[in-house]
Amino acid sequence: MRTRAKTLLVLSLAGGFTACKGDSDTDSKAIATNTADGSLASASSDSAERRDVSMVRMINALPSAKDASVSADDRAMFSGVGFKTVTPYAELRDNIAMFRLHAGGRDTTVASNREIIMDGSRYSLVALPDDNGSIRLRVLKDELATDSTKARLRVVHGLRGVGNVDVVMAGMTEPFFNNVSLSSDAEYKDIDPVKTTVTVNVDGNGKQLLKREMDFKAGHAYSIVLTGATGQRIEAIVIDDQTISNAKMMMLDSLNKTP
């Protein structure tokens, strides 16, 4: 069964309100994440740093894995994560962690990644295919828009068998991202707020793989995770992160809780 992402970060919510009146305005802010499954909320980076924890989420971009799980140093973090699902952020106290990916409800590790992670920072664990038929578990640092007048975009290449890709915005003479490989991601890049058509093409011959309408809003940070393979359906997992007030975080939490 596909697990719908729920906002159950009770400790994070409590931590978000421990700031004193003299703390900076950032401490009164939280993070909203919008995906195809709805809106999630999590406490601010400042709140997480004060409690000596980092924030970690999982993105399942493996068409072959309808039920994926991740452990950190053999402690379960995420389970029953369906294809194209983005989980809520979970807290992690360790600064060095061995992440292990399991698929199909089995205990066998299909991919692993040992990473150094920092208190107060946010990370995405992305399960992706590799060109040699294997599976990768990438650990990517998540960022927010630093310029309130700009949007921010990154692209994660998870398309098996297609080679490098270009990401093109309608009306631009050059690709927004050029020659993105399967073993890397196009890191965050600022973009003016705009409603536009985004296409993903094979680098070199220009063959179109994906076309999508996007509305890039100021103050939002977007992640597009490309998933699929040659001869199969090509899809995009779109994630929209933005700063919100703690009051709105509580509202989102209330809406997401199961009655």
C-alpha atoms as a PDB file:
ATOM      1  CA  MET A   1       0.000   0.000   0.000  1.00  0.00           C
ATOM      2  CA  ARG A   2       1.309   3.404  -0.915  1.00  0.00           C
ATOM      3  CA  THR A   3       2.033   5.502   2.145  1.00  0.00           C
ATOM      4  CA  ARG A   4       0.596   9.014   1.962  1.00  0.00           C
ATOM      5  CA  ALA A   5       2.866  11.556   3.564  1.00  0.00           C
ATOM      6  CA  LYS A   6       1.506  12.865   6.863  1.00  0.00           C
ATOM      7  CA  THR A   7       2.788  15.661   9.041  1.00  0.00           C
ATOM      8  CA  LEU A   8       3.436  13.979  12.369  1.00  0.00           C
ATOM      9  CA  LEU A   9       6.409  15.965  13.579  1.00  0.00           C
ATOM     10  CA  VAL A  10       5.092  16.691  17.062  1.00  0.00           C
ATOM     11  CA  LEU A  11       8.529  17.266  18.573  1.00  0.00           C
ATOM     12  CA  SER A  12       9.441  19.585  15.725  1.00  0.00           C
ATOM     13  CA  LEU A  13       6.243  21.542  16.206  1.00  0.00           C
ATOM     14  CA  ALA A  14       6.932  21.952  19.889  1.00  0.00           C
ATOM     15  CA  GLY A  15      10.512  23.002  19.223  1.00  0.00           C
ATOM     16  CA  GLY A  16       9.332  25.649  16.811  1.00  0.00           C
ATOM     17  CA  PHE A  17       7.691  27.535  19.662  1.00  0.00           C
ATOM     18  CA  THR A  18      10.512  27.488  22.211  1.00  0.00           C
ATOM     19  CA  ALA A  19      12.179  30.614  20.858  1.00  0.00           C
ATOM     20  CA  CYS A  20      12.252  33.612  23.141  1.00  0.00           C
ATOM     21  CA  LYS A  21      10.759  36.906  22.062  1.00  0.00           C
ATOM     22  CA  GLY A  22      14.255  38.259  21.523  1.00  0.00           C
ATOM     23  CA  ASP A  23      15.143  35.618  18.893  1.00  0.00           C
ATOM     24  CA  SER A  24      15.416  36.565  15.238  1.00  0.00           C
ATOM     25  CA  ASP A  25      12.412  36.643  12.913  1.00  0.00           C
ATOM     26  CA  THR A  26      13.682  33.475  11.242  1.00  0.00           C
ATOM     27  CA  ASP A  27      12.909  31.557  14.450  1.00  0.00           C
ATOM     28  CA  SER A  28       9.203  32.332  14.004  1.00  0.00           C
ATOM     29  CA  LYS A  29       9.200  30.724  10.587  1.00  0.00           C
ATOM     30  CA  ALA A  30       8.599  27.141   9.494  1.00  0.00           C
ATOM     31  CA  ILE A  31       8.843  25.282   6.185  1.00  0.00           C
ATOM     32  CA  ALA A  32       5.970  24.179   3.939  1.00  0.00           C
ATOM     33  CA  THR A  33       6.526  21.504   1.309  1.00  0.00           C
ATOM     34  CA  ASN A  34       4.010  21.139  -1.527  1.00  0.00           C
ATOM     35  CA  THR A  35       3.873  17.964  -3.627  1.00  0.00           C
ATOM     36  CA  ALA A  36       1.298  16.146  -5.752  1.00  0.00           C
ATOM     37  CA  ASP A  37       0.059  14.512  -2.526  1.00  0.00           C
ATOM     38  CA  GLY A  38      -0.609  17.800  -0.739  1.00  0.00           C
ATOM     39  CA  SER A  39       1.123  20.099   1.740  1.00  0.00           C
ATOM     40  CA  LEU A  40       3.483  19.120   4.550  1.00  0.00           C
ATOM     41  CA  ALA A  41       5.013  21.250   7.280  1.00  0.00           C
ATOM     42  CA  SER A  42       8.159  21.139   9.396  1.00  0.00           C
ATOM     43  CA  ALA A  43       9.901  23.346  11.946  1.00  0.00           C
ATOM     44  CA  SER A  44      12.525  25.922  11.042  1.00  0.00           C
ATOM     45  CA  SER A  45      16.220  25.177  10.576  1.00  0.00           C
ATOM     46  CA  ASP A  46      16.960  27.427  13.560  1.00  0.00           C
ATOM     47  CA  SER A  47      14.686  25.334  15.751  1.00  0.00           C
ATOM     48  CA  ALA A  48      16.340  22.112  14.571  1.00  0.00           C
ATOM     49  CA  GLU A  49      19.822  23.509  15.157  1.00  0.00           C
ATOM     50  CA  ARG A  50      18.970  24.546  18.722  1.00  0.00           C
ATOM     51  CA  ARG A  51      17.927  20.968  19.417  1.00  0.00           C
ATOM     52  CA  ASP A  52      21.066  19.525  17.735  1.00  0.00           C
ATOM     53  CA  VAL A  53      19.174  17.672  15.023  1.00  0.00           C
ATOM     54  CA  SER A  54      19.089  17.658  11.242  1.00  0.00           C
ATOM     55  CA  MET A  55      15.963  17.171   9.105  1.00  0.00           C
ATOM     56  CA  VAL A  56      15.808  14.305   6.601  1.00  0.00           C
ATOM     57  CA  ARG A  57      13.140  13.232   4.112  1.00  0.00           C
ATOM     58  CA  MET A  58      12.897  10.473   1.507  1.00  0.00           C
ATOM     59  CA  ILE A  59      11.920  10.640  -2.169  1.00  0.00           C
ATOM     60  CA  ASN A  60      11.203   7.344  -3.944  1.00  0.00           C
ATOM     61  CA  ALA A  61      12.058   7.808  -7.643  1.00  0.00           C
ATOM     62  CA  LEU A  62      12.319   4.063  -8.386  1.00  0.00           C
ATOM     63  CA  PRO A  63       9.514   2.834 -10.686  1.00  0.00           C
ATOM     64  CA  SER A  64      10.463  -0.740  -9.758  1.00  0.00           C
ATOM     65  CA  ALA A  65      10.162  -0.149  -6.003  1.00  0.00           C
ATOM     66  CA  LYS A  66       6.532   0.381  -4.985  1.00  0.00           C
ATOM     67  CA  ASP A  67       7.362  -0.132  -1.319  1.00  0.00           C
ATOM     68  CA  ALA A  68      10.725   1.289  -0.203  1.00  0.00           C
ATOM     69  CA  SER A  69      12.228   1.787   3.253  1.00  0.00           C
ATOM     70  CA  VAL A  70      15.288   3.563   4.647  1.00  0.00           C
ATOM     71  CA  SER A  71      17.200   2.986   7.867  1.00  0.00           C
ATOM     72  CA  ALA A  72      19.891   5.137   9.485  1.00  0.00           C
ATOM     73  CA  ASP A  73      22.559   3.133  11.321  1.00  0.00           C
ATOM     74  CA  ASP A  74      20.096   0.196  11.402  1.00  0.00           C
ATOM     75  CA  ARG A  75      17.307   2.301  12.933  1.00  0.00           C
ATOM     76  CA  ALA A  76      14.173   2.523  10.815  1.00  0.00           C
ATOM     77  CA  MET A  77      13.498   6.034   9.457  1.00  0.00           C
ATOM     78  CA  PHE A  78      10.976   5.576   6.643  1.00  0.00           C
ATOM     79  CA  SER A  79       8.907   2.530   5.660  1.00  0.00           C
ATOM     80  CA  GLY A  80       6.303   1.693   3.030  1.00  0.00           C
ATOM     81  CA  VAL A  81       7.257   4.665   0.855  1.00  0.00           C
ATOM     82  CA  GLY A  82       5.487   4.372  -2.500  1.00  0.00           C
ATOM     83  CA  PHE A  83       6.824   5.350  -5.911  1.00  0.00           C
ATOM     84  CA  LYS A  84       6.841   9.161  -6.397  1.00  0.00           C
ATOM     85  CA  THR A  85       6.130   9.724  -2.690  1.00  0.00           C
ATOM     86  CA  VAL A  86       7.878  12.501  -0.762  1.00  0.00           C
ATOM     87  CA  THR A  87       7.850  11.882   2.988  1.00  0.00           C
ATOM     88  CA  PRO A  88       7.667  14.522   5.717  1.00  0.00           C
ATOM     89  CA  TYR A  89      10.991  15.514   7.259  1.00  0.00           C
ATOM     90  CA  ALA A  90      12.133  13.355  10.177  1.00  0.00           C
ATOM     91  CA  GLU A  91      14.660  14.394  12.803  1.00  0.00           C
ATOM     92  CA  LEU A  92      18.102  12.792  13.060  1.00  0.00           C
ATOM     93  CA  ARG A  93      20.577  13.430  15.871  1.00  0.00           C
ATOM     94  CA  ASP A  94      23.621  11.672  14.396  1.00  0.00           C
ATOM     95  CA  ASN A  95      26.056  13.818  12.403  1.00  0.00           C
ATOM     96  CA  ILE A  96      27.512  10.782  10.633  1.00  0.00           C
ATOM     97  CA  ALA A  97      24.960   8.256   9.422  1.00  0.00           C
ATOM     98  CA  MET A  98      24.913   5.142   7.270  1.00  0.00           C
ATOM     99  CA  PHE A  99      21.677   5.194   5.289  1.00  0.00           C
ATOM    100  CA  ARG A 100      20.456   1.874   3.881  1.00  0.00           C
ATOM    101  CA  LEU A 101      17.710   1.427   1.297  1.00  0.00           C
ATOM    102  CA  HIS A 102      15.439  -1.626   1.289  1.00  0.00           C
ATOM    103  CA  ALA A 103      12.794  -2.432  -1.324  1.00  0.00           C
ATOM    104  CA  GLY A 104       9.713  -4.624  -1.532  1.00  0.00           C
ATOM    105  CA  GLY A 105       9.480  -5.233   2.187  1.00  0.00           C
ATOM    106  CA  ARG A 106      12.726  -7.212   2.211  1.00  0.00           C
ATOM    107  CA  ASP A 107      15.576  -6.775   4.684  1.00  0.00           C
ATOM    108  CA  THR A 108      18.223  -6.920   1.949  1.00  0.00           C
ATOM    109  CA  THR A 109      20.089  -3.642   1.439  1.00  0.00           C
ATOM    110  CA  VAL A 110      19.838  -2.595  -2.221  1.00  0.00           C
ATOM    111  CA  ALA A 111      21.791   0.669  -1.839  1.00  0.00           C
ATOM    112  CA  SER A 112      23.600   2.544   0.910  1.00  0.00           C
ATOM    113  CA  ASN A 113      25.274   5.875   1.523  1.00  0.00           C
ATOM    114  CA  ARG A 114      27.371   7.075   4.451  1.00  0.00           C
ATOM    115  CA  GLU A 115      27.120  10.834   4.917  1.00  0.00           C
ATOM    116  CA  ILE A 116      28.142  13.643   7.233  1.00  0.00           C
ATOM    117  CA  ILE A 117      25.118  15.803   7.985  1.00  0.00           C
ATOM    118  CA  MET A 118      24.936  19.054   9.927  1.00  0.00           C
ATOM    119  CA  ASP A 119      22.587  20.151  12.703  1.00  0.00           C
ATOM    120  CA  GLY A 120      19.883  22.498  11.453  1.00  0.00           C
ATOM    121  CA  SER A 121      20.330  21.452   7.811  1.00  0.00           C
ATOM    122  CA  ARG A 122      17.796  19.673   5.603  1.00  0.00           C
ATOM    123  CA  TYR A 123      18.468  16.698   3.361  1.00  0.00           C
ATOM    124  CA  SER A 124      16.636  14.561   0.815  1.00  0.00           C
ATOM    125  CA  LEU A 125      17.408  10.852   0.498  1.00  0.00           C
ATOM    126  CA  VAL A 126      16.594  10.104  -3.142  1.00  0.00           C
ATOM    127  CA  ALA A 127      16.276   6.504  -4.361  1.00  0.00           C
ATOM    128  CA  LEU A 128      17.259   6.482  -8.048  1.00  0.00           C
ATOM    129  CA  PRO A 129      18.082   3.964 -10.785  1.00  0.00           C
ATOM    130  CA  ASP A 130      21.582   3.699 -12.233  1.00  0.00           C
ATOM    131  CA  ASP A 131      22.550   2.995 -15.842  1.00  0.00           C
ATOM    132  CA  ASN A 132      24.197  -0.335 -14.999  1.00  0.00           C
ATOM    133  CA  GLY A 133      20.954  -1.754 -13.634  1.00  0.00           C
ATOM    134  CA  SER A 134      21.764  -1.041 -10.007  1.00  0.00           C
ATOM    135  CA  ILE A 135      20.105   1.361  -7.565  1.00  0.00           C
ATOM    136  CA  ARG A 136      21.543   4.483  -5.928  1.00  0.00           C
ATOM    137  CA  LEU A 137      20.638   6.261  -2.722  1.00  0.00           C
ATOM    138  CA  ARG A 138      21.700   9.878  -3.028  1.00  0.00           C
ATOM    139  CA  VAL A 139      21.843  12.344  -0.146  1.00  0.00           C
ATOM    140  CA  LEU A 140      21.152  15.902  -1.312  1.00  0.00           C
ATOM    141  CA  LYS A 141      21.220  19.043   0.810  1.00  0.00           C
ATOM    142  CA  ASP A 142      17.985  20.994   0.538  1.00  0.00           C
ATOM    143  CA  GLU A 143      18.007  24.782   0.341  1.00  0.00           C
ATOM    144  CA  LEU A 144      15.427  27.541   0.481  1.00  0.00           C
ATOM    145  CA  ALA A 145      15.161  30.655  -1.641  1.00  0.00           C
ATOM    146  CA  THR A 146      17.584  33.263  -0.256  1.00  0.00           C
ATOM    147  CA  ASP A 147      16.255  36.125  -2.397  1.00  0.00           C
ATOM    148  CA  SER A 148      12.582  36.880  -1.715  1.00  0.00           C
ATOM    149  CA  THR A 149      12.213  38.291  -5.246  1.00  0.00           C
ATOM    150  CA  LYS A 150      13.477  35.120  -6.937  1.00  0.00           C
ATOM    151  CA  ALA A 151      12.500  31.468  -7.226  1.00  0.00           C
ATOM    152  CA  ARG A 152      15.091  28.703  -7.033  1.00  0.00           C
ATOM    153  CA  LEU A 153      15.262  25.453  -9.037  1.00  0.00           C
ATOM    154  CA  ARG A 154      17.328  22.261  -9.090  1.00  0.00           C
ATOM    155  CA  VAL A 155      16.904  19.146 -11.230  1.00  0.00           C
ATOM    156  CA  VAL A 156      17.792  15.582 -10.235  1.00  0.00           C
ATOM    157  CA  HIS A 157      18.415  13.220 -13.176  1.00  0.00           C
ATOM    158  CA  GLY A 158      16.979   9.739 -12.578  1.00  0.00           C
ATOM    159  CA  LEU A 159      16.307   8.608 -16.165  1.00  0.00           C
ATOM    160  CA  ARG A 160      17.934   5.290 -16.999  1.00  0.00           C
ATOM    161  CA  GLY A 161      19.334   4.770 -20.479  1.00  0.00           C
ATOM    162  CA  VAL A 162      18.748   8.249 -21.940  1.00  0.00           C
ATOM    163  CA  GLY A 163      22.188   9.813 -21.473  1.00  0.00           C
ATOM    164  CA  ASN A 164      22.713  13.411 -20.405  1.00  0.00           C
ATOM    165  CA  VAL A 165      19.827  15.860 -20.561  1.00  0.00           C
ATOM    166  CA  ASP A 166      19.167  19.574 -21.017  1.00  0.00           C
ATOM    167  CA  VAL A 167      16.440  21.488 -19.177  1.00  0.00           C
ATOM    168  CA  VAL A 168      14.929  24.224 -21.344  1.00  0.00           C
ATOM    169  CA  MET A 169      12.587  27.088 -20.422  1.00  0.00           C
ATOM    170  CA  ALA A 170      10.254  28.525 -23.048  1.00  0.00           C
ATOM    171  CA  GLY A 171      11.521  31.885 -24.312  1.00  0.00           C
ATOM    172  CA  MET A 172      15.152  31.314 -23.301  1.00  0.00           C
ATOM    173  CA  THR A 173      17.774  31.053 -26.020  1.00  0.00           C
ATOM    174  CA  GLU A 174      20.011  28.721 -23.988  1.00  0.00           C
ATOM    175  CA  PRO A 175      19.174  25.716 -21.775  1.00  0.00           C
ATOM    176  CA  PHE A 176      18.565  26.633 -18.130  1.00  0.00           C
ATOM    177  CA  PHE A 177      20.537  23.500 -17.215  1.00  0.00           C
ATOM    178  CA  ASN A 178      22.898  21.938 -19.731  1.00  0.00           C
ATOM    179  CA  ASN A 179      24.337  18.418 -20.006  1.00  0.00           C
ATOM    180  CA  VAL A 180      23.020  17.060 -16.693  1.00  0.00           C
ATOM    181  CA  SER A 181      24.287  13.511 -16.124  1.00  0.00           C
ATOM    182  CA  LEU A 182      22.701  10.574 -14.329  1.00  0.00           C
ATOM    183  CA  SER A 183      25.463  10.603 -11.726  1.00  0.00           C
ATOM    184  CA  SER A 184      24.930  14.251 -10.764  1.00  0.00           C
ATOM    185  CA  ASP A 185      22.191  16.811 -10.250  1.00  0.00           C
ATOM    186  CA  ALA A 186      21.759  20.335 -11.534  1.00  0.00           C
ATOM    187  CA  GLU A 187      22.304  22.330  -8.339  1.00  0.00           C
ATOM    188  CA  TYR A 188      20.025  25.156  -7.251  1.00  0.00           C
ATOM    189  CA  LYS A 189      19.872  28.117  -9.577  1.00  0.00           C
ATOM    190  CA  ASP A 190      17.830  31.304  -9.181  1.00  0.00           C
ATOM    191  CA  ILE A 191      15.103  32.169 -11.671  1.00  0.00           C
ATOM    192  CA  ASP A 192      12.790  35.158 -12.027  1.00  0.00           C
ATOM    193  CA  PRO A 193       9.158  34.392 -11.065  1.00  0.00           C
ATOM    194  CA  VAL A 194       7.397  33.201 -14.218  1.00  0.00           C
ATOM    195  CA  LYS A 195       4.762  30.868 -15.610  1.00  0.00           C
ATOM    196  CA  THR A 196       6.506  28.901 -18.319  1.00  0.00           C
ATOM    197  CA  THR A 197       6.845  25.601 -20.151  1.00  0.00           C
ATOM    198  CA  VAL A 198       9.742  23.403 -19.023  1.00  0.00           C
ATOM    199  CA  THR A 199      11.024  20.717 -21.366  1.00  0.00           C
ATOM    200  CA  VAL A 200      13.632  18.036 -20.742  1.00  0.00           C
ATOM    201  CA  ASN A 201      15.565  17.045 -23.860  1.00  0.00           C
ATOM    202  CA  VAL A 202      18.315  14.594 -24.657  1.00  0.00           C
ATOM    203  CA  ASP A 203      21.576  16.527 -24.743  1.00  0.00           C
ATOM    204  CA  GLY A 204      23.042  16.589 -28.241  1.00  0.00           C
ATOM    205  CA  ASN A 205      20.071  15.570 -30.408  1.00  0.00           C
ATOM    206  CA  GLY A 206      17.345  17.619 -28.681  1.00  0.00           C
ATOM    207  CA  LYS A 207      14.831  14.746 -28.445  1.00  0.00           C
ATOM    208  CA  GLN A 208      12.057  15.800 -26.085  1.00  0.00           C
ATOM    209  CA  LEU A 209      11.562  13.502 -23.094  1.00  0.00           C
ATOM    210  CA  LEU A 210       9.201  15.531 -20.943  1.00  0.00           C
ATOM    211  CA  LYS A 211       7.139  18.709 -21.168  1.00  0.00           C
ATOM    212  CA  ARG A 212       5.519  20.390 -18.169  1.00  0.00           C
ATOM    213  CA  GLU A 213       3.896  23.712 -17.323  1.00  0.00           C
ATOM    214  CA  MET A 214       5.421  25.336 -14.233  1.00  0.00           C
ATOM    215  CA  ASP A 215       4.559  28.411 -12.174  1.00  0.00           C
ATOM    216  CA  PHE A 216       7.753  29.569 -10.451  1.00  0.00           C
ATOM    217  CA  LYS A 217       6.837  31.832  -7.523  1.00  0.00           C
ATOM    218  CA  ALA A 218       9.099  34.252  -5.683  1.00  0.00           C
ATOM    219  CA  GLY A 219      10.475  32.901  -2.415  1.00  0.00           C
ATOM    220  CA  HIS A 220       9.935  29.259  -3.388  1.00  0.00           C
ATOM    221  CA  ALA A 221      12.609  26.589  -3.943  1.00  0.00           C
ATOM    222  CA  TYR A 222      11.684  23.867  -6.437  1.00  0.00           C
ATOM    223  CA  SER A 223      13.150  20.409  -6.955  1.00  0.00           C
ATOM    224  CA  ILE A 224      12.314  18.406 -10.077  1.00  0.00           C
ATOM    225  CA  VAL A 225      13.263  14.728  -9.788  1.00  0.00           C
ATOM    226  CA  LEU A 226      13.183  13.002 -13.177  1.00  0.00           C
ATOM    227  CA  THR A 227      12.261   9.315 -13.128  1.00  0.00           C
ATOM    228  CA  GLY A 228      11.757   6.620 -15.774  1.00  0.00           C
ATOM    229  CA  ALA A 229      13.799   4.914 -18.490  1.00  0.00           C
ATOM    230  CA  THR A 230      14.221   4.513 -22.231  1.00  0.00           C
ATOM    231  CA  GLY A 231      11.064   2.909 -23.638  1.00  0.00           C
ATOM    232  CA  GLN A 232       9.138   3.592 -20.433  1.00  0.00           C
ATOM    233  CA  ARG A 233       7.063   6.445 -19.122  1.00  0.00           C
ATOM    234  CA  ILE A 234       9.097   9.542 -18.203  1.00  0.00           C
ATOM    235  CA  GLU A 235       7.776  11.425 -15.171  1.00  0.00           C
ATOM    236  CA  ALA A 236       8.717  14.309 -12.893  1.00  0.00           C
ATOM    237  CA  ILE A 237       8.354  14.501  -9.122  1.00  0.00           C
ATOM    238  CA  VAL A 238       7.959  18.213  -8.336  1.00  0.00           C
ATOM    239  CA  ILE A 239       8.656  19.493  -4.816  1.00  0.00           C
ATOM    240  CA  ASP A 240       8.007  23.089  -3.752  1.00  0.00           C
ATOM    241  CA  ASP A 241       9.591  24.281  -0.475  1.00  0.00           C
ATOM    242  CA  GLN A 242       8.870  27.686   1.041  1.00  0.00           C
ATOM    243  CA  THR A 243       9.109  29.545   4.340  1.00  0.00           C
ATOM    244  CA  ILE A 244       5.829  30.000   6.217  1.00  0.00           C
ATOM    245  CA  SER A 245       4.726  31.241   9.642  1.00  0.00           C
ATOM    246  CA  ASN A 246       4.488  28.874  12.592  1.00  0.00           C
ATOM    247  CA  ALA A 247       0.747  29.602  12.712  1.00  0.00           C
ATOM    248  CA  LYS A 248       0.333  28.296   9.178  1.00  0.00           C
ATOM    249  CA  MET A 249       2.476  25.258  10.047  1.00  0.00           C
ATOM    250  CA  MET A 250       0.045  24.388  12.847  1.00  0.00           C
ATOM    251  CA  MET A 251      -2.869  24.755  10.446  1.00  0.00           C
ATOM    252  CA  LEU A 252      -1.259  22.419   7.902  1.00  0.00           C
ATOM    253  CA  ASP A 253      -0.485  19.923  10.651  1.00  0.00           C
ATOM    254  CA  SER A 254      -4.129  19.962  11.762  1.00  0.00           C
ATOM    255  CA  LEU A 255      -5.384  19.446   8.207  1.00  0.00           C
ATOM    256  CA  ASN A 256      -3.029  16.518   7.570  1.00  0.00           C
ATOM    257  CA  LYS A 257      -3.811  14.572  10.742  1.00  0.00           C
ATOM    258  CA  THR A 258      -6.100  11.604  10.327  1.00  0.00           C
ATOM    259  CA  PRO A 259      -9.466  12.132  12.085  1.00  0.00           C
END
